Amino acid sequence: MEFRNNSKFDGSVRYIYYFISGILCWFLILLTDRVLDDLGQSVPFPERASFENKTLLFTLSTQHDSLTQIVKSYDAKADQLTKASELAQQNYQTAKESFENWLQARKVLGEPSKDREVIAKTEVLDGYYKIQQDWNQAYSKIQDTIKIYRDAIEQVNGSVAQEGERAGKLAYRAEQQYDLKVFLIRLLFILPILFLGIYFYVKFRNH
């Protein structure tokens, strides 16, 4: 009877040991995970901004802002020219309709080119047409100028993109080196613990 009680007691103690060992393992796992995180933070993470040419980016940003302001200024002038051209076109159409109605009502006899009044009205009509054409030409020139500045803006954007790509490649390489350093540091921390665990397992596996 006493033998059975001792067997039950030994079994209970064994389960208690297993439970305590499990708790200790769980605690050590959490502790190790925390330590590994802290080891990873011991190496500074390479930020992409540190690989960018800040002087170049500042210069490009200044150029971009300046060109953008110039384009906005020319856009405002283009809007004014558009309104002026539309007004000149309306004046021309109005004068043309008035002239045609006047010709029909007058019923000019002979050659209209020899009639002084007809010639005078024709010159006025041609003047309206010339004004409209002048506004259109001025608008076309401004549009050409705007295109030149917008092309310059695109070149600046391209330079910014190239700098970003260059910095991105350098940052990617630095991140790979960072990952390798963190891995080696964690490995140096884990290996002694792993060897120690193997040693205790081999030596005390029968206990």
N, C-alpha and C. Protein backbone atom coordinates (compact mmCIF):
# COMPACT_ATOMS: atom_id res chain seq x y z
N MET A 1 0.84 -1.21 0.00
CA MET A 1 0.00 0.00 0.00
C MET A 1 0.87 1.25 0.00
N GLU A 2 1.93 1.19 0.78
CA GLU A 2 2.86 2.32 0.84
C GLU A 2 3.58 2.49 -0.48
N PHE A 3 3.85 1.38 -1.19
CA PHE A 3 4.54 1.42 -2.47
C PHE A 3 3.68 2.13 -3.50
N ARG A 4 2.37 1.84 -3.46
CA ARG A 4 1.47 2.48 -4.41
C ARG A 4 1.39 3.99 -4.14
N ASN A 5 1.37 4.33 -2.88
CA ASN A 5 1.30 5.76 -2.56
C ASN A 5 2.55 6.48 -3.03
N ASN A 6 3.70 5.83 -2.87
CA ASN A 6 4.94 6.44 -3.34
C ASN A 6 4.95 6.58 -4.86
N SER A 7 4.39 5.61 -5.57
CA SER A 7 4.32 5.68 -7.03
C SER A 7 3.45 6.84 -7.46
N LYS A 8 2.29 7.00 -6.77
CA LYS A 8 1.41 8.11 -7.11
C LYS A 8 2.09 9.44 -6.81
N PHE A 9 2.81 9.47 -5.69
CA PHE A 9 3.48 10.71 -5.33
C PHE A 9 4.57 11.07 -6.34
N ASP A 10 5.34 10.05 -6.75
CA ASP A 10 6.39 10.28 -7.74
C ASP A 10 5.79 10.74 -9.07
N GLY A 11 4.65 10.17 -9.45
CA GLY A 11 4.01 10.59 -10.70
C GLY A 11 3.53 12.02 -10.61
N SER A 12 2.96 12.37 -9.45
CA SER A 12 2.48 13.75 -9.28
C SER A 12 3.64 14.74 -9.33
N VAL A 13 4.72 14.36 -8.65
CA VAL A 13 5.90 15.24 -8.65
C VAL A 13 6.45 15.39 -10.06
N ARG A 14 6.44 14.33 -10.84
CA ARG A 14 6.94 14.40 -12.21
C ARG A 14 6.11 15.36 -13.04
N TYR A 15 4.79 15.28 -12.91
CA TYR A 15 3.93 16.20 -13.66
C TYR A 15 4.15 17.64 -13.21
N ILE A 16 4.40 17.79 -11.91
CA ILE A 16 4.69 19.16 -11.42
C ILE A 16 5.98 19.66 -12.03
N TYR A 17 6.98 18.80 -12.13
CA TYR A 17 8.24 19.18 -12.75
C TYR A 17 8.02 19.55 -14.22
N TYR A 18 7.20 18.74 -14.90
CA TYR A 18 6.91 19.05 -16.30
C TYR A 18 6.23 20.41 -16.43
N PHE A 19 5.32 20.68 -15.54
CA PHE A 19 4.60 21.95 -15.58
C PHE A 19 5.55 23.12 -15.33
N ILE A 20 6.40 22.95 -14.29
CA ILE A 20 7.37 24.00 -13.99
C ILE A 20 8.36 24.19 -15.14
N SER A 21 8.78 23.08 -15.75
CA SER A 21 9.70 23.17 -16.89
C SER A 21 9.04 23.89 -18.06
N GLY A 22 7.76 23.60 -18.30
CA GLY A 22 7.04 24.28 -19.37
C GLY A 22 6.93 25.77 -19.13
N ILE A 23 6.62 26.14 -17.86
CA ILE A 23 6.54 27.57 -17.51
C ILE A 23 7.89 28.25 -17.73
N LEU A 24 8.95 27.59 -17.29
CA LEU A 24 10.29 28.17 -17.47
C LEU A 24 10.64 28.30 -18.94
N CYS A 25 10.31 27.29 -19.74
CA CYS A 25 10.58 27.37 -21.19
C CYS A 25 9.83 28.53 -21.82
N TRP A 26 8.55 28.65 -21.44
CA TRP A 26 7.73 29.75 -21.99
C TRP A 26 8.32 31.11 -21.58
N PHE A 27 8.74 31.22 -20.34
CA PHE A 27 9.33 32.47 -19.86
C PHE A 27 10.65 32.76 -20.59
N LEU A 28 11.47 31.72 -20.79
CA LEU A 28 12.74 31.92 -21.47
C LEU A 28 12.53 32.29 -22.94
N ILE A 29 11.51 31.72 -23.54
CA ILE A 29 11.21 32.07 -24.94
C ILE A 29 10.82 33.54 -25.06
N LEU A 30 9.95 33.99 -24.14
CA LEU A 30 9.56 35.40 -24.16
C LEU A 30 10.76 36.31 -23.88
N LEU A 31 11.58 35.91 -22.92
CA LEU A 31 12.75 36.71 -22.58
C LEU A 31 13.73 36.78 -23.75
N THR A 32 13.93 35.63 -24.38
CA THR A 32 14.84 35.59 -25.53
C THR A 32 14.32 36.45 -26.68
N ASP A 33 13.01 36.37 -26.92
CA ASP A 33 12.42 37.18 -27.99
C ASP A 33 12.60 38.67 -27.72
N ARG A 34 12.44 39.06 -26.45
CA ARG A 34 12.63 40.47 -26.08
C ARG A 34 14.08 40.87 -26.25
N VAL A 35 14.99 40.01 -25.84
CA VAL A 35 16.41 40.31 -25.96
C VAL A 35 16.82 40.41 -27.43
N LEU A 36 16.27 39.53 -28.25
CA LEU A 36 16.59 39.57 -29.69
C LEU A 36 16.10 40.86 -30.32
N ASP A 37 14.92 41.32 -29.91
CA ASP A 37 14.42 42.60 -30.41
C ASP A 37 15.34 43.75 -29.99
N ASP A 38 15.78 43.71 -28.76
CA ASP A 38 16.68 44.76 -28.28
C ASP A 38 18.02 44.71 -29.02
N LEU A 39 18.50 43.51 -29.32
CA LEU A 39 19.74 43.38 -30.07
C LEU A 39 19.59 43.96 -31.47
N GLY A 40 18.40 43.75 -32.07
CA GLY A 40 18.15 44.31 -33.40
C GLY A 40 18.15 45.82 -33.40
N GLN A 41 17.70 46.41 -32.30
CA GLN A 41 17.68 47.87 -32.20
C GLN A 41 19.04 48.46 -31.89
N SER A 42 19.99 47.62 -31.54
CA SER A 42 21.33 48.13 -31.24
C SER A 42 22.05 48.62 -32.50
N VAL A 43 21.60 48.15 -33.66
CA VAL A 43 22.18 48.59 -34.93
C VAL A 43 21.23 49.61 -35.55
N PRO A 44 21.70 50.81 -35.86
CA PRO A 44 20.80 51.83 -36.43
C PRO A 44 20.28 51.41 -37.80
N PHE A 45 18.98 51.59 -37.99
CA PHE A 45 18.37 51.23 -39.27
C PHE A 45 18.69 52.31 -40.30
N PRO A 46 19.13 51.93 -41.49
CA PRO A 46 19.49 52.92 -42.51
C PRO A 46 18.25 53.58 -43.11
N GLU A 47 18.10 54.87 -42.87
CA GLU A 47 16.99 55.62 -43.43
C GLU A 47 17.32 56.05 -44.86
N ARG A 48 16.30 56.00 -45.72
CA ARG A 48 16.53 56.35 -47.12
C ARG A 48 16.96 57.80 -47.27
N ALA A 49 16.42 58.67 -46.43
CA ALA A 49 16.74 60.10 -46.54
C ALA A 49 18.23 60.36 -46.36
N SER A 50 18.92 59.50 -45.61
CA SER A 50 20.34 59.71 -45.37
C SER A 50 21.19 59.46 -46.62
N PHE A 51 20.62 58.80 -47.62
CA PHE A 51 21.36 58.51 -48.85
C PHE A 51 21.02 59.49 -49.97
N GLU A 52 20.11 60.41 -49.71
CA GLU A 52 19.72 61.36 -50.74
C GLU A 52 20.68 62.55 -50.76
N ASN A 53 20.89 63.07 -51.96
CA ASN A 53 21.70 64.28 -52.12
C ASN A 53 20.80 65.48 -51.83
N LYS A 54 20.82 65.92 -50.60
CA LYS A 54 19.90 66.97 -50.17
C LYS A 54 20.17 68.30 -50.88
N THR A 55 21.43 68.57 -51.16
CA THR A 55 21.76 69.81 -51.87
C THR A 55 21.17 69.80 -53.28
N LEU A 56 21.33 68.67 -53.96
CA LEU A 56 20.77 68.56 -55.30
C LEU A 56 19.25 68.64 -55.28
N LEU A 57 18.63 67.93 -54.34
CA LEU A 57 17.17 67.94 -54.25
C LEU A 57 16.63 69.34 -53.92
N PHE A 58 17.36 70.07 -53.07
CA PHE A 58 16.94 71.44 -52.74
C PHE A 58 17.03 72.33 -53.98
N THR A 59 18.12 72.17 -54.74
CA THR A 59 18.27 72.96 -55.98
C THR A 59 17.16 72.63 -56.98
N LEU A 60 16.89 71.34 -57.14
CA LEU A 60 15.84 70.93 -58.08
C LEU A 60 14.47 71.41 -57.61
N SER A 61 14.23 71.37 -56.30
CA SER A 61 12.96 71.85 -55.77
C SER A 61 12.80 73.35 -56.01
N THR A 62 13.89 74.10 -55.83
CA THR A 62 13.84 75.54 -56.08
C THR A 62 13.56 75.82 -57.56
N GLN A 63 14.24 75.09 -58.44
CA GLN A 63 13.99 75.26 -59.87
C GLN A 63 12.55 74.91 -60.24
N HIS A 64 12.05 73.84 -59.65
CA HIS A 64 10.67 73.42 -59.94
C HIS A 64 9.68 74.49 -59.51
N ASP A 65 9.86 75.03 -58.32
CA ASP A 65 8.95 76.07 -57.84
C ASP A 65 9.02 77.32 -58.71
N SER A 66 10.24 77.70 -59.11
CA SER A 66 10.40 78.88 -59.95
C SER A 66 9.74 78.68 -61.32
N LEU A 67 9.99 77.53 -61.92
CA LEU A 67 9.38 77.25 -63.23
C LEU A 67 7.87 77.17 -63.14
N THR A 68 7.37 76.60 -62.06
CA THR A 68 5.92 76.50 -61.88
C THR A 68 5.28 77.87 -61.78
N GLN A 69 5.93 78.79 -61.06
CA GLN A 69 5.41 80.15 -60.96
C GLN A 69 5.40 80.85 -62.31
N ILE A 70 6.46 80.63 -63.10
CA ILE A 70 6.52 81.24 -64.43
C ILE A 70 5.40 80.70 -65.31
N VAL A 71 5.17 79.38 -65.25
CA VAL A 71 4.10 78.78 -66.05
C VAL A 71 2.74 79.33 -65.64
N LYS A 72 2.53 79.50 -64.33
CA LYS A 72 1.27 80.06 -63.86
C LYS A 72 1.08 81.48 -64.39
N SER A 73 2.18 82.25 -64.42
CA SER A 73 2.10 83.61 -64.93
C SER A 73 1.72 83.62 -66.40
N TYR A 74 2.36 82.75 -67.18
CA TYR A 74 2.04 82.68 -68.61
C TYR A 74 0.64 82.12 -68.85
N ASP A 75 0.21 81.22 -67.99
CA ASP A 75 -1.16 80.71 -68.12
C ASP A 75 -2.18 81.83 -67.92
N ALA A 76 -1.89 82.71 -66.95
CA ALA A 76 -2.79 83.84 -66.73
C ALA A 76 -2.83 84.76 -67.95
N LYS A 77 -1.65 85.00 -68.55
CA LYS A 77 -1.60 85.81 -69.76
C LYS A 77 -2.34 85.13 -70.91
N ALA A 78 -2.18 83.82 -71.00
CA ALA A 78 -2.87 83.07 -72.06
C ALA A 78 -4.38 83.17 -71.90
N ASP A 79 -4.86 83.14 -70.66
CA ASP A 79 -6.30 83.30 -70.42
C ASP A 79 -6.78 84.68 -70.87
N GLN A 80 -5.98 85.70 -70.58
CA GLN A 80 -6.35 87.05 -71.01
C GLN A 80 -6.37 87.15 -72.53
N LEU A 81 -5.38 86.54 -73.18
CA LEU A 81 -5.35 86.56 -74.65
C LEU A 81 -6.52 85.78 -75.25
N THR A 82 -6.89 84.71 -74.60
CA THR A 82 -8.04 83.93 -75.09
C THR A 82 -9.31 84.77 -75.04
N LYS A 83 -9.51 85.49 -73.94
CA LYS A 83 -10.69 86.35 -73.83
C LYS A 83 -10.64 87.47 -74.87
N ALA A 84 -9.44 88.06 -75.05
CA ALA A 84 -9.31 89.13 -76.03
C ALA A 84 -9.55 88.61 -77.45
N SER A 85 -9.06 87.42 -77.74
CA SER A 85 -9.27 86.83 -79.07
C SER A 85 -10.74 86.53 -79.31
N GLU A 86 -11.41 86.02 -78.27
CA GLU A 86 -12.84 85.74 -78.42
C GLU A 86 -13.63 87.04 -78.65
N LEU A 87 -13.25 88.10 -77.93
CA LEU A 87 -13.92 89.39 -78.12
C LEU A 87 -13.65 89.94 -79.51
N ALA A 88 -12.41 89.81 -80.01
CA ALA A 88 -12.08 90.28 -81.35
C ALA A 88 -12.84 89.48 -82.41
N GLN A 89 -13.01 88.19 -82.17
CA GLN A 89 -13.75 87.36 -83.11
C GLN A 89 -15.22 87.77 -83.14
N GLN A 90 -15.77 88.06 -81.98
CA GLN A 90 -17.16 88.52 -81.93
C GLN A 90 -17.32 89.85 -82.66
N ASN A 91 -16.39 90.77 -82.44
CA ASN A 91 -16.45 92.06 -83.13
C ASN A 91 -16.34 91.89 -84.65
N TYR A 92 -15.48 90.96 -85.05
CA TYR A 92 -15.32 90.71 -86.49
C TYR A 92 -16.59 90.12 -87.09
N GLN A 93 -17.18 89.15 -86.40
CA GLN A 93 -18.41 88.54 -86.91
C GLN A 93 -19.53 89.56 -86.97
N THR A 94 -19.62 90.39 -85.93
CA THR A 94 -20.66 91.43 -85.92
C THR A 94 -20.45 92.41 -87.06
N ALA A 95 -19.22 92.87 -87.27
CA ALA A 95 -18.94 93.81 -88.35
C ALA A 95 -19.17 93.16 -89.72
N LYS A 96 -18.84 91.88 -89.83
CA LYS A 96 -19.03 91.19 -91.10
C LYS A 96 -20.51 91.07 -91.45
N GLU A 97 -21.31 90.69 -90.47
CA GLU A 97 -22.74 90.58 -90.71
C GLU A 97 -23.35 91.94 -91.04
N SER A 98 -22.89 92.97 -90.33
CA SER A 98 -23.39 94.32 -90.60
C SER A 98 -23.00 94.76 -92.01
N PHE A 99 -21.77 94.43 -92.41
CA PHE A 99 -21.31 94.81 -93.74
C PHE A 99 -22.11 94.09 -94.83
N GLU A 100 -22.33 92.79 -94.64
CA GLU A 100 -23.09 92.04 -95.64
C GLU A 100 -24.52 92.54 -95.75
N ASN A 101 -25.13 92.84 -94.58
CA ASN A 101 -26.49 93.40 -94.61
C ASN A 101 -26.52 94.77 -95.29
N TRP A 102 -25.48 95.56 -95.05
CA TRP A 102 -25.41 96.89 -95.66
C TRP A 102 -25.27 96.79 -97.16
N LEU A 103 -24.47 95.81 -97.65
CA LEU A 103 -24.31 95.63 -99.09
C LEU A 103 -25.61 95.23 -99.75
N GLN A 104 -26.33 94.31 -99.12
CA GLN A 104 -27.60 93.87 -99.70
C GLN A 104 -28.62 95.00 -99.73
N ALA A 105 -28.62 95.82 -98.68
CA ALA A 105 -29.59 96.91 -98.64
C ALA A 105 -29.24 98.02 -99.63
N ARG A 106 -28.00 98.25 -99.82
CA ARG A 106 -27.56 99.35 -100.68
C ARG A 106 -27.70 99.02 -102.15
N LYS A 107 -27.53 97.72 -102.47
CA LYS A 107 -27.60 97.28 -103.86
C LYS A 107 -26.67 98.12 -104.73
N VAL A 108 -25.39 97.92 -104.45
CA VAL A 108 -24.37 98.72 -105.13
C VAL A 108 -24.41 98.44 -106.62
N LEU A 109 -24.36 99.50 -107.36
CA LEU A 109 -24.30 99.37 -108.80
C LEU A 109 -22.84 99.53 -109.25
N GLY A 110 -22.45 98.80 -110.27
CA GLY A 110 -21.08 98.87 -110.74
C GLY A 110 -20.17 98.00 -109.92
N GLU A 111 -18.89 98.26 -109.98
CA GLU A 111 -17.90 97.47 -109.27
C GLU A 111 -17.76 97.99 -107.84
N PRO A 112 -17.96 97.13 -106.86
CA PRO A 112 -17.86 97.57 -105.45
C PRO A 112 -16.47 98.08 -105.11
N SER A 113 -15.44 97.61 -105.81
CA SER A 113 -14.09 98.04 -105.48
C SER A 113 -13.85 99.51 -105.77
N LYS A 114 -14.69 100.11 -106.59
CA LYS A 114 -14.55 101.53 -106.93
C LYS A 114 -15.43 102.42 -106.05
N ASP A 115 -16.22 101.82 -105.24
CA ASP A 115 -17.08 102.59 -104.35
C ASP A 115 -16.29 102.92 -103.08
N ARG A 116 -16.08 104.18 -102.78
CA ARG A 116 -15.27 104.59 -101.64
C ARG A 116 -15.86 104.11 -100.31
N GLU A 117 -17.16 104.21 -100.17
CA GLU A 117 -17.79 103.80 -98.91
C GLU A 117 -17.64 102.31 -98.67
N VAL A 118 -17.77 101.55 -99.75
CA VAL A 118 -17.59 100.10 -99.63
C VAL A 118 -16.14 99.78 -99.25
N ILE A 119 -15.21 100.49 -99.88
CA ILE A 119 -13.79 100.26 -99.57
C ILE A 119 -13.49 100.59 -98.11
N ALA A 120 -14.07 101.69 -97.62
CA ALA A 120 -13.83 102.09 -96.23
C ALA A 120 -14.35 101.05 -95.25
N LYS A 121 -15.56 100.56 -95.52
CA LYS A 121 -16.12 99.54 -94.63
C LYS A 121 -15.33 98.23 -94.70
N THR A 122 -14.84 97.95 -95.91
CA THR A 122 -14.03 96.73 -96.06
C THR A 122 -12.74 96.85 -95.25
N GLU A 123 -12.14 98.04 -95.25
CA GLU A 123 -10.92 98.24 -94.48
C GLU A 123 -11.18 98.10 -92.98
N VAL A 124 -12.34 98.60 -92.54
CA VAL A 124 -12.69 98.44 -91.12
C VAL A 124 -12.84 96.97 -90.78
N LEU A 125 -13.51 96.25 -91.68
CA LEU A 125 -13.70 94.80 -91.45
C LEU A 125 -12.36 94.07 -91.43
N ASP A 126 -11.47 94.46 -92.35
CA ASP A 126 -10.13 93.85 -92.36
C ASP A 126 -9.37 94.19 -91.09
N GLY A 127 -9.60 95.37 -90.56
CA GLY A 127 -8.94 95.73 -89.30
C GLY A 127 -9.37 94.84 -88.15
N TYR A 128 -10.66 94.57 -88.07
CA TYR A 128 -11.15 93.64 -87.03
C TYR A 128 -10.52 92.25 -87.20
N TYR A 129 -10.45 91.82 -88.46
CA TYR A 129 -9.88 90.50 -88.72
C TYR A 129 -8.40 90.45 -88.34
N LYS A 130 -7.67 91.53 -88.65
CA LYS A 130 -6.24 91.58 -88.31
C LYS A 130 -6.04 91.56 -86.79
N ILE A 131 -6.89 92.28 -86.07
CA ILE A 131 -6.79 92.28 -84.61
C ILE A 131 -6.98 90.87 -84.07
N GLN A 132 -7.97 90.18 -84.62
CA GLN A 132 -8.22 88.81 -84.19
C GLN A 132 -7.01 87.92 -84.48
N GLN A 133 -6.42 88.08 -85.65
CA GLN A 133 -5.25 87.27 -86.01
C GLN A 133 -4.05 87.61 -85.11
N ASP A 134 -3.89 88.88 -84.78
CA ASP A 134 -2.79 89.28 -83.89
C ASP A 134 -2.93 88.63 -82.52
N TRP A 135 -4.17 88.64 -81.98
CA TRP A 135 -4.39 87.99 -80.69
C TRP A 135 -4.11 86.50 -80.77
N ASN A 136 -4.51 85.87 -81.86
CA ASN A 136 -4.27 84.44 -82.02
C ASN A 136 -2.77 84.13 -82.10
N GLN A 137 -2.03 84.98 -82.82
CA GLN A 137 -0.59 84.77 -82.91
C GLN A 137 0.09 84.96 -81.56
N ALA A 138 -0.35 85.98 -80.81
CA ALA A 138 0.23 86.20 -79.49
C ALA A 138 -0.08 85.02 -78.57
N TYR A 139 -1.28 84.49 -78.67
CA TYR A 139 -1.66 83.33 -77.86
C TYR A 139 -0.81 82.12 -78.24
N SER A 140 -0.58 81.94 -79.54
CA SER A 140 0.23 80.81 -80.00
C SER A 140 1.67 80.92 -79.48
N LYS A 141 2.22 82.14 -79.48
CA LYS A 141 3.58 82.33 -78.98
C LYS A 141 3.67 82.02 -77.49
N ILE A 142 2.68 82.47 -76.75
CA ILE A 142 2.68 82.18 -75.31
C ILE A 142 2.58 80.68 -75.05
N GLN A 143 1.78 80.00 -75.83
CA GLN A 143 1.66 78.55 -75.67
C GLN A 143 2.98 77.86 -75.95
N ASP A 144 3.71 78.36 -76.95
CA ASP A 144 5.05 77.79 -77.23
C ASP A 144 5.99 78.03 -76.06
N THR A 145 5.91 79.22 -75.47
CA THR A 145 6.76 79.53 -74.32
C THR A 145 6.39 78.65 -73.12
N ILE A 146 5.09 78.47 -72.91
CA ILE A 146 4.63 77.62 -71.81
C ILE A 146 5.13 76.19 -72.00
N LYS A 147 5.11 75.73 -73.24
CA LYS A 147 5.58 74.36 -73.52
C LYS A 147 7.07 74.22 -73.18
N ILE A 148 7.85 75.27 -73.47
CA ILE A 148 9.28 75.22 -73.16
C ILE A 148 9.48 75.09 -71.65
N TYR A 149 8.76 75.88 -70.88
CA TYR A 149 8.91 75.83 -69.43
C TYR A 149 8.37 74.52 -68.86
N ARG A 150 7.31 74.01 -69.43
CA ARG A 150 6.77 72.73 -68.94
C ARG A 150 7.73 71.58 -69.26
N ASP A 151 8.38 71.66 -70.41
CA ASP A 151 9.41 70.66 -70.71
C ASP A 151 10.56 70.74 -69.70
N ALA A 152 10.89 71.97 -69.31
CA ALA A 152 11.95 72.14 -68.30
C ALA A 152 11.51 71.54 -66.96
N ILE A 153 10.24 71.71 -66.62
CA ILE A 153 9.71 71.11 -65.39
C ILE A 153 9.79 69.59 -65.45
N GLU A 154 9.48 69.03 -66.61
CA GLU A 154 9.57 67.58 -66.77
C GLU A 154 11.01 67.10 -66.62
N GLN A 155 11.96 67.88 -67.11
CA GLN A 155 13.37 67.51 -66.93
C GLN A 155 13.75 67.53 -65.45
N VAL A 156 13.27 68.55 -64.74
CA VAL A 156 13.54 68.62 -63.30
C VAL A 156 12.93 67.42 -62.58
N ASN A 157 11.70 67.09 -62.94
CA ASN A 157 11.04 65.91 -62.33
C ASN A 157 11.82 64.63 -62.64
N GLY A 158 12.34 64.56 -63.88
CA GLY A 158 13.15 63.39 -64.23
C GLY A 158 14.42 63.30 -63.40
N SER A 159 15.05 64.45 -63.15
CA SER A 159 16.26 64.47 -62.31
C SER A 159 15.94 64.05 -60.88
N VAL A 160 14.80 64.51 -60.38
CA VAL A 160 14.38 64.11 -59.03
C VAL A 160 14.13 62.61 -58.96
N ALA A 161 13.51 62.07 -60.01
CA ALA A 161 13.23 60.63 -60.04
C ALA A 161 14.54 59.83 -60.10
N GLN A 162 15.51 60.31 -60.89
CA GLN A 162 16.80 59.62 -60.96
C GLN A 162 17.51 59.64 -59.61
N GLU A 163 17.47 60.78 -58.93
CA GLU A 163 18.09 60.86 -57.61
C GLU A 163 17.39 59.94 -56.62
N GLY A 164 16.06 59.87 -56.71
CA GLY A 164 15.32 58.97 -55.83
C GLY A 164 15.66 57.51 -56.11
N GLU A 165 15.82 57.18 -57.39
CA GLU A 165 16.18 55.80 -57.74
C GLU A 165 17.58 55.46 -57.23
N ARG A 166 18.50 56.40 -57.38
CA ARG A 166 19.87 56.17 -56.89
C ARG A 166 19.89 55.98 -55.38
N ALA A 167 19.18 56.87 -54.67
CA ALA A 167 19.11 56.76 -53.21
C ALA A 167 18.42 55.47 -52.79
N GLY A 168 17.41 55.07 -53.55
CA GLY A 168 16.70 53.83 -53.23
C GLY A 168 17.59 52.60 -53.34
N LYS A 169 18.45 52.57 -54.37
CA LYS A 169 19.37 51.44 -54.53
C LYS A 169 20.37 51.38 -53.38
N LEU A 170 20.91 52.55 -53.02
CA LEU A 170 21.85 52.59 -51.90
C LEU A 170 21.17 52.17 -50.59
N ALA A 171 19.93 52.65 -50.39
CA ALA A 171 19.21 52.29 -49.18
C ALA A 171 18.90 50.79 -49.13
N TYR A 172 18.59 50.21 -50.29
CA TYR A 172 18.30 48.77 -50.34
C TYR A 172 19.55 47.95 -49.96
N ARG A 173 20.69 48.36 -50.49
CA ARG A 173 21.92 47.66 -50.14
C ARG A 173 22.23 47.81 -48.65
N ALA A 174 22.02 49.02 -48.13
CA ALA A 174 22.27 49.25 -46.69
C ALA A 174 21.32 48.42 -45.84
N GLU A 175 20.08 48.27 -46.27
CA GLU A 175 19.12 47.46 -45.52
C GLU A 175 19.54 45.99 -45.51
N GLN A 176 20.06 45.52 -46.65
CA GLN A 176 20.56 44.13 -46.67
C GLN A 176 21.73 43.95 -45.70
N GLN A 177 22.64 44.91 -45.69
CA GLN A 177 23.75 44.84 -44.74
C GLN A 177 23.25 44.93 -43.30
N TYR A 178 22.23 45.76 -43.10
CA TYR A 178 21.64 45.87 -41.75
C TYR A 178 21.04 44.53 -41.31
N ASP A 179 20.28 43.90 -42.20
CA ASP A 179 19.69 42.59 -41.86
C ASP A 179 20.77 41.57 -41.55
N LEU A 180 21.87 41.60 -42.32
CA LEU A 180 22.96 40.65 -42.08
C LEU A 180 23.61 40.90 -40.72
N LYS A 181 23.85 42.16 -40.38
CA LYS A 181 24.47 42.49 -39.09
C LYS A 181 23.57 42.04 -37.93
N VAL A 182 22.27 42.33 -38.05
CA VAL A 182 21.34 41.94 -36.99
C VAL A 182 21.30 40.42 -36.85
N PHE A 183 21.32 39.71 -37.99
CA PHE A 183 21.30 38.25 -37.95
C PHE A 183 22.54 37.72 -37.25
N LEU A 184 23.71 38.27 -37.57
CA LEU A 184 24.95 37.79 -36.96
C LEU A 184 24.98 38.09 -35.46
N ILE A 185 24.50 39.28 -35.06
CA ILE A 185 24.47 39.61 -33.64
C ILE A 185 23.55 38.65 -32.88
N ARG A 186 22.38 38.41 -33.44
CA ARG A 186 21.45 37.48 -32.79
C ARG A 186 22.00 36.06 -32.77
N LEU A 187 22.72 35.70 -33.85
CA LEU A 187 23.31 34.36 -33.91
C LEU A 187 24.38 34.20 -32.84
N LEU A 188 25.19 35.22 -32.64
CA LEU A 188 26.21 35.17 -31.59
C LEU A 188 25.60 35.05 -30.20
N PHE A 189 24.41 35.60 -30.04
CA PHE A 189 23.72 35.48 -28.75
C PHE A 189 23.06 34.11 -28.58
N ILE A 190 22.54 33.57 -29.67
CA ILE A 190 21.78 32.32 -29.60
C ILE A 190 22.70 31.10 -29.51
N LEU A 191 23.83 31.13 -30.25
CA LEU A 191 24.69 29.94 -30.32
C LEU A 191 25.17 29.47 -28.94
N PRO A 192 25.67 30.33 -28.07
CA PRO A 192 26.09 29.82 -26.73
C PRO A 192 24.94 29.19 -25.97
N ILE A 193 23.76 29.80 -26.07
CA ILE A 193 22.61 29.22 -25.36
C ILE A 193 22.25 27.87 -25.98
N LEU A 194 22.33 27.79 -27.29
CA LEU A 194 22.00 26.53 -27.97
C LEU A 194 23.00 25.44 -27.59
N PHE A 195 24.28 25.76 -27.60
CA PHE A 195 25.30 24.78 -27.22
C PHE A 195 25.14 24.37 -25.75
N LEU A 196 24.81 25.36 -24.90
CA LEU A 196 24.61 25.05 -23.50
C LEU A 196 23.41 24.12 -23.31
N GLY A 197 22.35 24.36 -24.05
CA GLY A 197 21.18 23.49 -23.96
C GLY A 197 21.49 22.09 -24.44
N ILE A 198 22.25 21.97 -25.54
CA ILE A 198 22.64 20.64 -26.03
C ILE A 198 23.52 19.92 -25.01
N TYR A 199 24.41 20.68 -24.39
CA TYR A 199 25.30 20.09 -23.39
C TYR A 199 24.50 19.53 -22.21
N PHE A 200 23.57 20.33 -21.68
CA PHE A 200 22.76 19.86 -20.55
C PHE A 200 21.86 18.70 -20.96
N TYR A 201 21.36 18.74 -22.18
CA TYR A 201 20.51 17.64 -22.62
C TYR A 201 21.28 16.33 -22.70
N VAL A 202 22.48 16.39 -23.25
CA VAL A 202 23.28 15.17 -23.40
C VAL A 202 23.74 14.66 -22.03
N LYS A 203 24.11 15.59 -21.15
CA LYS A 203 24.65 15.18 -19.87
C LYS A 203 23.60 14.72 -18.88
N PHE A 204 22.46 15.37 -18.91
CA PHE A 204 21.44 15.09 -17.90
C PHE A 204 20.16 14.50 -18.50
N ARG A 205 20.24 13.89 -19.65
CA ARG A 205 19.03 13.39 -20.28
C ARG A 205 18.41 12.22 -19.52
N ASN A 206 19.21 11.54 -18.71
CA ASN A 206 18.67 10.42 -17.94
C ASN A 206 18.10 10.84 -16.60
N HIS A 207 18.23 12.12 -16.23
CA HIS A 207 17.75 12.59 -14.92
C HIS A 207 16.34 13.13 -15.08
